[in-house]
Protein backbone atom coordinates (compact mmCIF):
# COMPACT_ATOMS: atom_id res chain seq x y z
CA UNK A 1 37.15 -13.53 1.32
CA UNK A 2 34.11 -15.73 2.02
CA UNK A 3 33.22 -16.93 5.50
CA UNK A 4 33.94 -20.54 4.50
CA UNK A 5 37.37 -19.61 3.18
CA UNK A 6 38.15 -17.55 6.29
CA UNK A 7 37.07 -20.46 8.53
CA UNK A 8 39.31 -22.81 6.55
CA UNK A 9 42.27 -20.46 7.02
CA UNK A 10 41.65 -20.31 10.77
CA UNK A 11 41.52 -24.11 10.97
CA UNK A 12 44.81 -24.44 9.10
CA UNK A 13 46.72 -21.92 11.22
CA UNK A 14 45.18 -22.20 14.66
CA UNK A 15 42.08 -21.96 16.80
CA UNK A 16 40.26 -18.67 17.35
CA UNK A 17 39.55 -17.39 20.85
CA UNK A 18 35.87 -18.25 20.41
CA UNK A 19 36.92 -21.77 19.39
CA UNK A 20 39.16 -22.07 22.43
CA UNK A 21 36.26 -20.91 24.60
CA UNK A 22 33.98 -23.57 23.13
CA UNK A 23 36.59 -26.34 23.45
CA UNK A 24 37.58 -25.56 27.04
CA UNK A 25 34.33 -24.34 28.56
CA UNK A 26 36.01 -21.08 29.62
CA UNK A 27 34.06 -17.97 28.66
CA UNK A 28 35.66 -15.67 26.10
CA UNK A 29 35.54 -12.79 28.58
CA UNK A 30 37.36 -14.95 31.14
CA UNK A 31 40.07 -15.77 28.59
CA UNK A 32 40.49 -12.05 27.92
CA UNK A 33 40.72 -11.38 31.67
CA UNK A 34 43.36 -14.13 32.04
CA UNK A 35 45.34 -12.53 29.21
CA UNK A 36 45.06 -9.09 30.82
CA UNK A 37 46.14 -10.35 34.26
CA UNK A 38 49.00 -12.45 32.87
CA UNK A 39 47.62 -15.88 33.74
CA UNK A 40 47.67 -16.88 30.08
CA UNK A 41 50.24 -15.90 27.48
CA UNK A 42 48.20 -14.91 24.45
CA UNK A 43 49.23 -15.42 20.86
CA UNK A 44 49.85 -12.25 18.90
CA UNK A 45 46.96 -10.71 17.02
CA UNK A 46 46.83 -11.61 13.32
CA UNK A 47 44.69 -10.26 10.53
CA UNK A 48 42.36 -12.87 9.05
CA UNK A 49 39.86 -11.65 6.51
CA UNK A 50 40.41 -8.07 7.65
CA UNK A 51 39.73 -8.90 11.31
CA UNK A 52 42.27 -9.07 14.12
CA UNK A 53 42.15 -12.51 15.76
CA UNK A 54 44.30 -14.55 18.10
CA UNK A 55 45.12 -17.98 16.73
CA UNK A 56 45.83 -20.48 19.49
CA UNK A 57 47.78 -23.73 19.15
CA UNK A 58 46.60 -27.09 20.48
CA UNK A 59 49.32 -26.88 23.18
CA UNK A 60 47.98 -23.51 24.36
CA UNK A 61 44.47 -24.97 24.53
CA UNK A 62 45.78 -27.80 26.75
CA UNK A 63 47.41 -25.22 29.04
CA UNK A 64 44.11 -23.34 29.36
CA UNK A 65 42.34 -26.59 30.28
CA UNK A 66 44.97 -27.23 32.98
CA UNK A 67 44.61 -23.68 34.30
CA UNK A 68 40.82 -24.02 34.39
CA UNK A 69 41.17 -27.16 36.50
CA UNK A 70 43.42 -25.41 39.03
CA UNK A 71 41.29 -22.29 39.54
CA UNK A 72 38.25 -22.13 41.74
CA UNK A 73 35.40 -19.78 40.87
CA UNK A 74 34.36 -17.02 43.20
CA UNK A 75 36.04 -14.35 45.28
CA UNK A 76 39.54 -14.94 46.64
CA UNK A 77 40.93 -14.28 50.08
CA UNK A 78 39.27 -13.78 53.43
CA UNK A 79 35.78 -12.43 53.50
CA UNK A 80 35.41 -8.85 54.60
CA UNK A 81 33.18 -8.21 57.55
CA UNK A 82 30.12 -6.28 56.61
CA UNK A 83 29.64 -2.95 58.28
CA UNK A 84 26.58 -2.67 60.45
CA UNK A 85 23.91 -0.53 58.94
CA UNK A 86 23.69 2.37 61.28
CA UNK A 87 21.25 4.98 62.10
CA UNK A 88 18.31 5.12 64.33
CA UNK A 89 14.95 3.68 63.80
CA UNK A 90 12.74 5.23 61.18
CA UNK A 91 9.08 5.77 61.64
């Protein structure tokens, strides 16, 4: 199957994870992390042109945009106090 034909099939049935990443501004790796941690319910893997892809619906893309708006980047929770660097003086 040609790349053009495969792209047409993806457009007809859904949006690839890379496409979702581009449309939402959420990195592909972040989407995969959200799937792994259960923040996003992922569509089942499907074979398209011999490759396993997730095909997302427009409604799922909207949910990802909403989730992105609710989350703040950076570490969560209280900051840990750093341990003092011990030892004597070095000469």
